[in-house]
């Protein structure tokens, strides 16, 4: 036979009467030891466990999002290198022939 909640004491505070029973761990607690969380009254230990489970659960779109990030990063790098190549092609041919390096400015005169 189970005793009513009126005769139960708090799991953490034996001198206080219990006001609620945690549905996760099935222990009795006083008002200070329980909190409403997502429509249920839970103890602090069970709230932490539920939050930890929720944080560990991988998102179903996590792998797809990572693959999309890698693809966009490669596309961005390709675009930057392409623009750099286009910029180098617009330089005058005298720059490419090395005549710029033979001027007095580069020789320190």
PDB file of N, CA and C in Angstrom:
ATOM      1  N   UNK A   1       0.847  -1.188   0.000  1.00  0.00           N
ATOM      2  CA  UNK A   1       0.000   0.000   0.000  1.00  0.00           C
ATOM      3  C   UNK A   1       0.884   1.241   0.000  1.00  0.00           C
ATOM      4  N   UNK A   2       0.507   2.188  -0.798  1.00  0.00           N
ATOM      5  CA  UNK A   2       1.263   3.433  -0.854  1.00  0.00           C
ATOM      6  C   UNK A   2       0.622   4.463   0.055  1.00  0.00           C
ATOM      7  N   UNK A   3       1.453   5.193   0.739  1.00  0.00           N
ATOM      8  CA  UNK A   3       0.955   6.250   1.627  1.00  0.00           C
ATOM      9  C   UNK A   3       0.637   7.486   0.802  1.00  0.00           C
ATOM     10  N   UNK A   4      -0.246   8.310   1.290  1.00  0.00           N
ATOM     11  CA  UNK A   4      -0.593   9.530   0.561  1.00  0.00           C
ATOM     12  C   UNK A   4       0.570  10.516   0.641  1.00  0.00           C
ATOM     13  N   UNK A   5       0.536  11.507  -0.201  1.00  0.00           N
ATOM     14  CA  UNK A   5       1.617  12.491  -0.261  1.00  0.00           C
ATOM     15  C   UNK A   5       1.692  13.310   1.030  1.00  0.00           C
ATOM     16  N   UNK A   6       0.609  13.374   1.763  1.00  0.00           N
ATOM     17  CA  UNK A   6       0.593  14.149   3.004  1.00  0.00           C
ATOM     18  C   UNK A   6       1.570  13.587   4.037  1.00  0.00           C
ATOM     19  N   UNK A   7       1.840  12.336   3.992  1.00  0.00           N
ATOM     20  CA  UNK A   7       2.727  11.717   4.966  1.00  0.00           C
ATOM     21  C   UNK A   7       4.171  11.584   4.480  1.00  0.00           C
ATOM     22  N   UNK A   8       4.426  11.970   3.248  1.00  0.00           N
ATOM     23  CA  UNK A   8       5.769  11.853   2.676  1.00  0.00           C
ATOM     24  C   UNK A   8       6.597  13.077   3.028  1.00  0.00           C
ATOM     25  N   UNK A   9       7.901  12.886   3.109  1.00  0.00           N
ATOM     26  CA  UNK A   9       8.844  13.972   3.408  1.00  0.00           C
ATOM     27  C   UNK A   9       9.698  14.221   2.170  1.00  0.00           C
ATOM     28  N   UNK A  10      10.273  15.404   2.102  1.00  0.00           N
ATOM     29  CA  UNK A  10      11.121  15.795   0.982  1.00  0.00           C
ATOM     30  C   UNK A  10      12.378  14.912   0.943  1.00  0.00           C
ATOM     31  N   UNK A  11      12.791  14.537  -0.245  1.00  0.00           N
ATOM     32  CA  UNK A  11      13.966  13.698  -0.423  1.00  0.00           C
ATOM     33  C   UNK A  11      15.228  14.408   0.059  1.00  0.00           C
ATOM     34  N   UNK A  12      15.326  15.736  -0.196  1.00  0.00           N
ATOM     35  CA  UNK A  12      16.509  16.507   0.188  1.00  0.00           C
ATOM     36  C   UNK A  12      16.388  17.117   1.585  1.00  0.00           C
ATOM     37  N   UNK A  13      15.178  17.422   2.004  1.00  0.00           N
ATOM     38  CA  UNK A  13      14.933  18.064   3.301  1.00  0.00           C
ATOM     39  C   UNK A  13      13.993  17.186   4.120  1.00  0.00           C
ATOM     40  N   UNK A  14      14.509  16.272   4.898  1.00  0.00           N
ATOM     41  CA  UNK A  14      13.656  15.339   5.651  1.00  0.00           C
ATOM     42  C   UNK A  14      12.724  16.010   6.662  1.00  0.00           C
ATOM     43  N   UNK A  15      13.018  17.233   7.058  1.00  0.00           N
ATOM     44  CA  UNK A  15      12.157  17.924   8.012  1.00  0.00           C
ATOM     45  C   UNK A  15      10.950  18.594   7.369  1.00  0.00           C
ATOM     46  N   UNK A  16      10.873  18.629   6.053  1.00  0.00           N
ATOM     47  CA  UNK A  16       9.766  19.289   5.357  1.00  0.00           C
ATOM     48  C   UNK A  16       8.850  18.254   4.713  1.00  0.00           C
ATOM     49  N   UNK A  17       7.577  18.630   4.649  1.00  0.00           N
ATOM     50  CA  UNK A  17       6.632  17.718   4.013  1.00  0.00           C
ATOM     51  C   UNK A  17       6.713  17.874   2.492  1.00  0.00           C
ATOM     52  N   UNK A  18       6.461  16.806   1.799  1.00  0.00           N
ATOM     53  CA  UNK A  18       6.511  16.803   0.344  1.00  0.00           C
ATOM     54  C   UNK A  18       5.230  17.402  -0.228  1.00  0.00           C
ATOM     55  N   UNK A  19       5.384  18.125  -1.329  1.00  0.00           N
ATOM     56  CA  UNK A  19       4.223  18.712  -2.000  1.00  0.00           C
ATOM     57  C   UNK A  19       4.066  18.188  -3.416  1.00  0.00           C
ATOM     58  N   UNK A  20       5.109  17.531  -3.934  1.00  0.00           N
ATOM     59  CA  UNK A  20       5.031  17.025  -5.299  1.00  0.00           C
ATOM     60  C   UNK A  20       5.917  15.798  -5.456  1.00  0.00           C
ATOM     61  N   UNK A  21       5.590  15.046  -6.469  1.00  0.00           N
ATOM     62  CA  UNK A  21       6.386  13.860  -6.790  1.00  0.00           C
ATOM     63  C   UNK A  21       6.904  14.030  -8.211  1.00  0.00           C
ATOM     64  N   UNK A  22       8.199  13.902  -8.362  1.00  0.00           N
ATOM     65  CA  UNK A  22       8.817  14.049  -9.677  1.00  0.00           C
ATOM     66  C   UNK A  22       8.443  12.836 -10.534  1.00  0.00           C
ATOM     67  N   UNK A  23       7.873  13.049 -11.700  1.00  0.00           N
ATOM     68  CA  UNK A  23       7.478  11.904 -12.538  1.00  0.00           C
ATOM     69  C   UNK A  23       8.664  11.163 -13.154  1.00  0.00           C
ATOM     70  N   UNK A  24       9.831  11.786 -13.211  1.00  0.00           N
ATOM     71  CA  UNK A  24      11.005  11.128 -13.796  1.00  0.00           C
ATOM     72  C   UNK A  24      11.673  10.169 -12.804  1.00  0.00           C
ATOM     73  N   UNK A  25      12.033  10.683 -11.631  1.00  0.00           N
ATOM     74  CA  UNK A  25      12.743   9.850 -10.647  1.00  0.00           C
ATOM     75  C   UNK A  25      11.805   9.253  -9.601  1.00  0.00           C
ATOM     76  N   UNK A  26      10.553   9.663  -9.577  1.00  0.00           N
ATOM     77  CA  UNK A  26       9.499   9.150  -8.701  1.00  0.00           C
ATOM     78  C   UNK A  26       9.831   9.384  -7.226  1.00  0.00           C
ATOM     79  N   UNK A  27      10.485  10.481  -6.913  1.00  0.00           N
ATOM     80  CA  UNK A  27      10.768  10.851  -5.521  1.00  0.00           C
ATOM     81  C   UNK A  27       9.875  12.018  -5.124  1.00  0.00           C
ATOM     82  N   UNK A  28       9.711  12.173  -3.823  1.00  0.00           N
ATOM     83  CA  UNK A  28       8.888  13.259  -3.300  1.00  0.00           C
ATOM     84  C   UNK A  28       9.777  14.439  -2.935  1.00  0.00           C
ATOM     85  N   UNK A  29       9.263  15.661  -3.160  1.00  0.00           N
ATOM     86  CA  UNK A  29      10.043  16.883  -2.902  1.00  0.00           C
ATOM     87  C   UNK A  29       9.173  17.980  -2.303  1.00  0.00           C
ATOM     88  N   UNK A  30       9.842  18.900  -1.592  1.00  0.00           N
ATOM     89  CA  UNK A  30       9.149  20.075  -1.049  1.00  0.00           C
ATOM     90  C   UNK A  30       9.054  21.151  -2.134  1.00  0.00           C
ATOM     91  N   UNK A  31       8.450  22.291  -1.808  1.00  0.00           N
ATOM     92  CA  UNK A  31       8.247  23.373  -2.786  1.00  0.00           C
ATOM     93  C   UNK A  31       9.559  23.920  -3.343  1.00  0.00           C
ATOM     94  N   UNK A  32      10.601  23.948  -2.544  1.00  0.00           N
ATOM     95  CA  UNK A  32      11.869  24.520  -2.986  1.00  0.00           C
ATOM     96  C   UNK A  32      12.643  23.602  -3.937  1.00  0.00           C
ATOM     97  N   UNK A  33      12.318  22.339  -3.903  1.00  0.00           N
ATOM     98  CA  UNK A  33      13.104  21.373  -4.671  1.00  0.00           C
ATOM     99  C   UNK A  33      12.521  21.034  -6.039  1.00  0.00           C
ATOM    100  N   UNK A  34      11.313  21.501  -6.334  1.00  0.00           N
ATOM    101  CA  UNK A  34      10.702  21.199  -7.628  1.00  0.00           C
ATOM    102  C   UNK A  34      10.453  22.489  -8.401  1.00  0.00           C
ATOM    103  N   UNK A  35      10.432  22.340  -9.716  1.00  0.00           N
ATOM    104  CA  UNK A  35      10.195  23.472 -10.608  1.00  0.00           C
ATOM    105  C   UNK A  35       9.344  22.985 -11.770  1.00  0.00           C
ATOM    106  N   UNK A  36       8.489  23.859 -12.262  1.00  0.00           N
ATOM    107  CA  UNK A  36       7.703  23.512 -13.436  1.00  0.00           C
ATOM    108  C   UNK A  36       8.577  23.678 -14.665  1.00  0.00           C
ATOM    109  N   UNK A  37       8.622  22.640 -15.466  1.00  0.00           N
ATOM    110  CA  UNK A  37       9.443  22.642 -16.678  1.00  0.00           C
ATOM    111  C   UNK A  37       8.638  22.019 -17.809  1.00  0.00           C
ATOM    112  N   UNK A  38       8.313  22.814 -18.806  1.00  0.00           N
ATOM    113  CA  UNK A  38       7.539  22.367 -19.963  1.00  0.00           C
ATOM    114  C   UNK A  38       6.243  21.677 -19.554  1.00  0.00           C
ATOM    115  N   UNK A  39       5.546  22.277 -18.623  1.00  0.00           N
ATOM    116  CA  UNK A  39       4.250  21.760 -18.211  1.00  0.00           C
ATOM    117  C   UNK A  39       4.290  20.619 -17.218  1.00  0.00           C
ATOM    118  N   UNK A  40       5.474  20.244 -16.742  1.00  0.00           N
ATOM    119  CA  UNK A  40       5.605  19.173 -15.754  1.00  0.00           C
ATOM    120  C   UNK A  40       6.381  19.697 -14.565  1.00  0.00           C
ATOM    121  N   UNK A  41       6.107  19.144 -13.408  1.00  0.00           N
ATOM    122  CA  UNK A  41       6.832  19.508 -12.190  1.00  0.00           C
ATOM    123  C   UNK A  41       7.967  18.506 -12.028  1.00  0.00           C
ATOM    124  N   UNK A  42       9.221  18.996 -12.151  1.00  0.00           N
ATOM    125  CA  UNK A  42      10.389  18.132 -12.077  1.00  0.00           C
ATOM    126  C   UNK A  42      11.356  18.635 -11.016  1.00  0.00           C
ATOM    127  N   UNK A  43      12.188  17.722 -10.520  1.00  0.00           N
ATOM    128  CA  UNK A  43      13.247  18.126  -9.601  1.00  0.00           C
ATOM    129  C   UNK A  43      14.428  18.657 -10.417  1.00  0.00           C
ATOM    130  N   UNK A  44      15.364  19.330  -9.750  1.00  0.00           N
ATOM    131  CA  UNK A  44      16.499  19.944 -10.436  1.00  0.00           C
ATOM    132  C   UNK A  44      17.372  18.907 -11.138  1.00  0.00           C
ATOM    133  N   UNK A  45      17.551  17.755 -10.526  1.00  0.00           N
ATOM    134  CA  UNK A  45      18.369  16.699 -11.124  1.00  0.00           C
ATOM    135  C   UNK A  45      17.758  16.208 -12.434  1.00  0.00           C
ATOM    136  N   UNK A  46      16.477  16.013 -12.452  1.00  0.00           N
ATOM    137  CA  UNK A  46      15.808  15.518 -13.652  1.00  0.00           C
ATOM    138  C   UNK A  46      15.749  16.592 -14.735  1.00  0.00           C
ATOM    139  N   UNK A  47      15.611  17.857 -14.346  1.00  0.00           N
ATOM    140  CA  UNK A  47      15.642  18.947 -15.331  1.00  0.00           C
ATOM    141  C   UNK A  47      17.003  18.976 -16.013  1.00  0.00           C
ATOM    142  N   UNK A  48      18.065  18.820 -15.235  1.00  0.00           N
ATOM    143  CA  UNK A  48      19.416  18.809 -15.814  1.00  0.00           C
ATOM    144  C   UNK A  48      19.586  17.618 -16.756  1.00  0.00           C
ATOM    145  N   UNK A  49      19.069  16.460 -16.374  1.00  0.00           N
ATOM    146  CA  UNK A  49      19.187  15.267 -17.216  1.00  0.00           C
ATOM    147  C   UNK A  49      18.407  15.429 -18.510  1.00  0.00           C
ATOM    148  N   UNK A  50      17.208  15.997 -18.433  1.00  0.00           N
ATOM    149  CA  UNK A  50      16.397  16.211 -19.627  1.00  0.00           C
ATOM    150  C   UNK A  50      17.081  17.221 -20.544  1.00  0.00           C
ATOM    151  N   UNK A  51      17.636  18.287 -19.987  1.00  0.00           N
ATOM    152  CA  UNK A  51      18.332  19.289 -20.789  1.00  0.00           C
ATOM    153  C   UNK A  51      19.572  18.703 -21.450  1.00  0.00           C
ATOM    154  N   UNK A  52      20.299  17.864 -20.728  1.00  0.00           N
ATOM    155  CA  UNK A  52      21.507  17.247 -21.276  1.00  0.00           C
ATOM    156  C   UNK A  52      21.161  16.314 -22.433  1.00  0.00           C
ATOM    157  N   UNK A  53      20.093  15.555 -22.291  1.00  0.00           N
ATOM    158  CA  UNK A  53      19.664  14.671 -23.374  1.00  0.00           C
ATOM    159  C   UNK A  53      19.295  15.489 -24.608  1.00  0.00           C
ATOM    160  N   UNK A  54      18.627  16.593 -24.385  1.00  0.00           N
ATOM    161  CA  UNK A  54      18.191  17.432 -25.487  1.00  0.00           C
ATOM    162  C   UNK A  54      19.385  18.066 -26.195  1.00  0.00           C
ATOM    163  N   UNK A  55      20.429  18.452 -25.436  1.00  0.00           N
ATOM    164  CA  UNK A  55      21.612  19.059 -26.026  1.00  0.00           C
ATOM    165  C   UNK A  55      22.415  18.037 -26.828  1.00  0.00           C
ATOM    166  N   UNK A  56      22.460  16.803 -26.402  1.00  0.00           N
ATOM    167  CA  UNK A  56      23.236  15.765 -27.070  1.00  0.00           C
ATOM    168  C   UNK A  56      22.579  15.269 -28.343  1.00  0.00           C
ATOM    169  N   UNK A  57      21.280  15.391 -28.421  1.00  0.00           N
ATOM    170  CA  UNK A  57      20.557  14.852 -29.561  1.00  0.00           C
ATOM    171  C   UNK A  57      20.967  15.614 -30.829  1.00  0.00           C
ATOM    172  N   UNK A  58      21.539  14.917 -31.790  1.00  0.00           N
ATOM    173  CA  UNK A  58      21.956  15.609 -33.011  1.00  0.00           C
ATOM    174  C   UNK A  58      20.752  16.012 -33.857  1.00  0.00           C
ATOM    175  N   UNK A  59      20.891  17.109 -34.504  1.00  0.00           N
ATOM    176  CA  UNK A  59      19.830  17.589 -35.372  1.00  0.00           C
ATOM    177  C   UNK A  59      19.767  16.713 -36.613  1.00  0.00           C
ATOM    178  N   UNK A  60      18.576  16.400 -37.090  1.00  0.00           N
ATOM    179  CA  UNK A  60      18.487  15.571 -38.297  1.00  0.00           C
ATOM    180  C   UNK A  60      19.059  16.284 -39.519  1.00  0.00           C
ATOM    181  N   UNK A  61      19.119  17.593 -39.479  1.00  0.00           N
ATOM    182  CA  UNK A  61      19.645  18.347 -40.600  1.00  0.00           C
ATOM    183  C   UNK A  61      21.092  18.779 -40.377  1.00  0.00           C
ATOM    184  N   UNK A  62      21.727  18.300 -39.299  1.00  0.00           N
ATOM    185  CA  UNK A  62      23.089  18.694 -38.970  1.00  0.00           C
ATOM    186  C   UNK A  62      24.088  18.293 -40.042  1.00  0.00           C
ATOM    187  N   UNK A  63      24.014  17.060 -40.508  1.00  0.00           N
ATOM    188  CA  UNK A  63      24.953  16.588 -41.530  1.00  0.00           C
ATOM    189  C   UNK A  63      24.735  17.330 -42.839  1.00  0.00           C
ATOM    190  N   UNK A  64      23.488  17.556 -43.184  1.00  0.00           N
ATOM    191  CA  UNK A  64      23.188  18.285 -44.418  1.00  0.00           C
ATOM    192  C   UNK A  64      23.691  19.726 -44.314  1.00  0.00           C
ATOM    193  N   UNK A  65      23.517  20.337 -43.150  1.00  0.00           N
ATOM    194  CA  UNK A  65      23.977  21.713 -42.954  1.00  0.00           C
ATOM    195  C   UNK A  65      25.498  21.796 -43.038  1.00  0.00           C
ATOM    196  N   UNK A  66      26.197  20.829 -42.465  1.00  0.00           N
ATOM    197  CA  UNK A  66      27.667  20.832 -42.541  1.00  0.00           C
ATOM    198  C   UNK A  66      28.141  20.644 -43.977  1.00  0.00           C
ATOM    199  N   UNK A  67      27.498  19.753 -44.724  1.00  0.00           N
ATOM    200  CA  UNK A  67      27.879  19.545 -46.120  1.00  0.00           C
ATOM    201  C   UNK A  67      27.623  20.804 -46.943  1.00  0.00           C
ATOM    202  N   UNK A  68      26.529  21.484 -46.662  1.00  0.00           N
ATOM    203  CA  UNK A  68      26.222  22.729 -47.353  1.00  0.00           C
ATOM    204  C   UNK A  68      27.251  23.800 -47.020  1.00  0.00           C
ATOM    205  N   UNK A  69      27.688  23.862 -45.771  1.00  0.00           N
ATOM    206  CA  UNK A  69      28.716  24.831 -45.380  1.00  0.00           C
ATOM    207  C   UNK A  69      30.034  24.551 -46.103  1.00  0.00           C
ATOM    208  N   UNK A  70      30.418  23.292 -46.191  1.00  0.00           N
ATOM    209  CA  UNK A  70      31.653  22.936 -46.900  1.00  0.00           C
ATOM    210  C   UNK A  70      31.538  23.307 -48.372  1.00  0.00           C
ATOM    211  N   UNK A  71      30.420  22.990 -48.993  1.00  0.00           N
ATOM    212  CA  UNK A  71      30.213  23.318 -50.402  1.00  0.00           C
ATOM    213  C   UNK A  71      30.274  24.818 -50.631  1.00  0.00           C
ATOM    214  N   UNK A  72      29.606  25.598 -49.788  1.00  0.00           N
ATOM    215  CA  UNK A  72      29.630  27.052 -49.942  1.00  0.00           C
ATOM    216  C   UNK A  72      31.012  27.629 -49.689  1.00  0.00           C
ATOM    217  N   UNK A  73      31.766  27.042 -48.765  1.00  0.00           N
ATOM    218  CA  UNK A  73      33.136  27.507 -48.508  1.00  0.00           C
ATOM    219  C   UNK A  73      34.025  27.259 -49.726  1.00  0.00           C
ATOM    220  N   UNK A  74      33.913  26.083 -50.311  1.00  0.00           N
ATOM    221  CA  UNK A  74      34.697  25.774 -51.510  1.00  0.00           C
ATOM    222  C   UNK A  74      34.299  26.692 -52.659  1.00  0.00           C
ATOM    223  N   UNK A  75      33.011  26.929 -52.809  1.00  0.00           N
ATOM    224  CA  UNK A  75      32.525  27.827 -53.850  1.00  0.00           C
ATOM    225  C   UNK A  75      33.040  29.250 -53.640  1.00  0.00           C
ATOM    226  N   UNK A  76      33.057  29.707 -52.399  1.00  0.00           N
ATOM    227  CA  UNK A  76      33.568  31.043 -52.090  1.00  0.00           C
ATOM    228  C   UNK A  76      35.060  31.146 -52.394  1.00  0.00           C
ATOM    229  N   UNK A  77      35.823  30.141 -51.987  1.00  0.00           N
ATOM    230  CA  UNK A  77      37.258  30.146 -52.283  1.00  0.00           C
ATOM    231  C   UNK A  77      37.526  30.113 -53.782  1.00  0.00           C
ATOM    232  N   UNK A  78      36.768  29.295 -54.508  1.00  0.00           N
ATOM    233  CA  UNK A  78      36.919  29.242 -55.953  1.00  0.00           C
ATOM    234  C   UNK A  78      36.641  30.611 -56.563  1.00  0.00           C
ATOM    235  N   UNK A  79      35.580  31.267 -56.095  1.00  0.00           N
ATOM    236  CA  UNK A  79      35.237  32.595 -56.601  1.00  0.00           C
ATOM    237  C   UNK A  79      36.337  33.616 -56.321  1.00  0.00           C
ATOM    238  N   UNK A  80      36.914  33.568 -55.136  1.00  0.00           N
ATOM    239  CA  UNK A  80      37.986  34.502 -54.801  1.00  0.00           C
ATOM    240  C   UNK A  80      39.222  34.279 -55.673  1.00  0.00           C
ATOM    241  N   UNK A  81      39.606  33.010 -55.866  1.00  0.00           N
ATOM    242  CA  UNK A  81      40.754  32.719 -56.723  1.00  0.00           C
ATOM    243  C   UNK A  81      40.469  33.082 -58.183  1.00  0.00           C
ATOM    244  N   UNK A  82      39.253  32.879 -58.624  1.00  0.00           N
ATOM    245  CA  UNK A  82      38.873  33.257 -59.981  1.00  0.00           C
ATOM    246  C   UNK A  82      38.999  34.769 -60.167  1.00  0.00           C
ATOM    247  N   UNK A  83      38.496  35.531 -59.194  1.00  0.00           N
ATOM    248  CA  UNK A  83      38.590  36.999 -59.279  1.00  0.00           C
ATOM    249  C   UNK A  83      40.040  37.451 -59.219  1.00  0.00           C
ATOM    250  N   UNK A  84      40.867  36.790 -58.427  1.00  0.00           N
ATOM    251  CA  UNK A  84      42.285  37.120 -58.366  1.00  0.00           C
ATOM    252  C   UNK A  84      42.944  36.870 -59.721  1.00  0.00           C
ATOM    253  N   UNK A  85      42.628  35.756 -60.348  1.00  0.00           N
ATOM    254  CA  UNK A  85      43.164  35.457 -61.681  1.00  0.00           C
ATOM    255  C   UNK A  85      42.721  36.465 -62.714  1.00  0.00           C
ATOM    256  N   UNK A  86      41.437  36.847 -62.673  1.00  0.00           N
ATOM    257  CA  UNK A  86      40.933  37.858 -63.593  1.00  0.00           C
ATOM    258  C   UNK A  86      41.639  39.191 -63.372  1.00  0.00           C
ATOM    259  N   UNK A  87      41.902  39.521 -62.110  1.00  0.00           N
ATOM    260  CA  UNK A  87      42.616  40.762 -61.811  1.00  0.00           C
ATOM    261  C   UNK A  87      44.038  40.735 -62.335  1.00  0.00           C
ATOM    262  N   UNK A  88      44.711  39.597 -62.229  1.00  0.00           N
ATOM    263  CA  UNK A  88      46.066  39.474 -62.753  1.00  0.00           C
ATOM    264  C   UNK A  88      46.093  39.570 -64.278  1.00  0.00           C
ATOM    265  N   UNK A  89      45.051  39.089 -64.921  1.00  0.00           N
ATOM    266  CA  UNK A  89      44.986  39.178 -66.378  1.00  0.00           C
ATOM    267  C   UNK A  89      44.793  40.611 -66.870  1.00  0.00           C
ATOM    268  N   UNK A  90      44.243  41.467 -66.029  1.00  0.00           N
ATOM    269  CA  UNK A  90      44.026  42.857 -66.441  1.00  0.00           C
ATOM    270  C   UNK A  90      45.278  43.717 -66.285  1.00  0.00           C
ATOM    271  N   UNK A  91      46.309  43.196 -65.638  1.00  0.00           N
ATOM    272  CA  UNK A  91      47.558  43.951 -65.496  1.00  0.00           C
ATOM    273  C   UNK A  91      48.223  44.092 -66.865  1.00  0.00           C
ATOM    274  N   UNK A  92      48.957  45.194 -67.093  1.00  0.00           N
ATOM    275  CA  UNK A  92      49.622  45.353 -68.390  1.00  0.00           C
ATOM    276  C   UNK A  92      50.691  44.283 -68.594  1.00  0.00           C
ATOM    277  N   UNK A  93      50.957  43.960 -69.844  1.00  0.00           N
ATOM    278  CA  UNK A  93      51.917  42.908 -70.144  1.00  0.00           C
ATOM    279  C   UNK A  93      53.332  43.299 -69.723  1.00  0.00           C
ATOM    280  N   UNK A  94      53.616  44.607 -69.603  1.00  0.00           N
ATOM    281  CA  UNK A  94      54.950  45.014 -69.161  1.00  0.00           C
ATOM    282  C   UNK A  94      55.209  44.565 -67.718  1.00  0.00           C
ATOM    283  N   UNK A  95      54.183  44.463 -66.950  1.00  0.00           N
ATOM    284  CA  UNK A  95      54.317  43.958 -65.579  1.00  0.00           C
ATOM    285  C   UNK A  95      54.702  42.486 -65.600  1.00  0.00           C
ATOM    286  N   UNK A  96      54.094  41.727 -66.522  1.00  0.00           N
ATOM    287  CA  UNK A  96      54.355  40.300 -66.615  1.00  0.00           C
ATOM    288  C   UNK A  96      55.728  40.005 -67.208  1.00  0.00           C
ATOM    289  N   UNK A  97      56.234  40.900 -68.069  1.00  0.00           N
ATOM    290  CA  UNK A  97      57.513  40.668 -68.734  1.00  0.00           C
ATOM    291  C   UNK A  97      58.699  40.955 -67.827  1.00  0.00           C
ATOM    292  N   UNK A  98      58.478  41.558 -66.692  1.00  0.00           N
ATOM    293  CA  UNK A  98      59.553  41.825 -65.766  1.00  0.00           C
ATOM    294  C   UNK A  98      60.194  43.182 -65.942  1.00  0.00           C
ATOM    295  N   UNK A  99      59.677  44.010 -66.839  1.00  0.00           N
ATOM    296  CA  UNK A  99      60.278  45.334 -67.052  1.00  0.00           C
ATOM    297  C   UNK A  99      60.029  46.257 -65.870  1.00  0.00           C
ATOM    298  N   UNK A 100      58.975  46.020 -65.131  1.00  0.00           N
ATOM    299  CA  UNK A 100      58.686  46.858 -63.971  1.00  0.00           C
ATOM    300  C   UNK A 100      59.754  46.684 -62.905  1.00  0.00           C
ATOM    301  N   UNK A 101      60.292  45.498 -62.804  1.00  0.00           N
ATOM    302  CA  UNK A 101      61.283  45.212 -61.770  1.00  0.00           C
ATOM    303  C   UNK A 101      62.663  45.792 -62.116  1.00  0.00           C
ATOM    304  N   UNK A 102      62.848  46.188 -63.346  1.00  0.00           N
ATOM    305  CA  UNK A 102      64.141  46.712 -63.758  1.00  0.00           C
ATOM    306  C   UNK A 102      64.229  48.238 -63.653  1.00  0.00           C
ATOM    307  N   UNK A 103      63.228  48.900 -63.146  1.00  0.00           N
ATOM    308  CA  UNK A 103      63.238  50.338 -63.026  1.00  0.00           C
ATOM    309  C   UNK A 103      64.063  50.763 -61.826  1.00  0.00           C
ATOM    310  N   UNK A 104      64.365  52.061 -61.743  1.00  0.00           N
ATOM    311  CA  UNK A 104      65.184  52.604 -60.666  1.00  0.00           C
ATOM    312  C   UNK A 104      64.489  52.520 -59.301  1.00  0.00           C
ATOM    313  N   UNK A 105      63.178  52.519 -59.293  1.00  0.00           N
ATOM    314  CA  UNK A 105      62.454  52.481 -58.022  1.00  0.00           C
ATOM    315  C   UNK A 105      62.775  51.200 -57.264  1.00  0.00           C
ATOM    316  N   UNK A 106      62.841  50.083 -57.947  1.00  0.00           N
ATOM    317  CA  UNK A 106      63.060  48.793 -57.296  1.00  0.00           C
ATOM    318  C   UNK A 106      64.524  48.528 -56.981  1.00  0.00           C
ATOM    319  N   UNK A 107      65.434  49.215 -57.660  1.00  0.00           N
ATOM    320  CA  UNK A 107      66.843  48.997 -57.407  1.00  0.00           C
ATOM    321  C   UNK A 107      67.359  49.886 -56.285  1.00  0.00           C
ATOM    322  N   UNK A 108      66.580  50.794 -55.793  1.00  0.00           N
ATOM    323  CA  UNK A 108      66.947  51.646 -54.673  1.00  0.00           C
ATOM    324  C   UNK A 108      67.766  52.859 -55.097  1.00  0.00           C
ATOM    325  N   UNK A 109      67.726  53.266 -56.326  1.00  0.00           N
ATOM    326  CA  UNK A 109      68.467  54.453 -56.794  1.00  0.00           C
ATOM    327  C   UNK A 109      67.650  55.688 -56.700  1.00  0.00           C
TER     328      UNK A 109
END
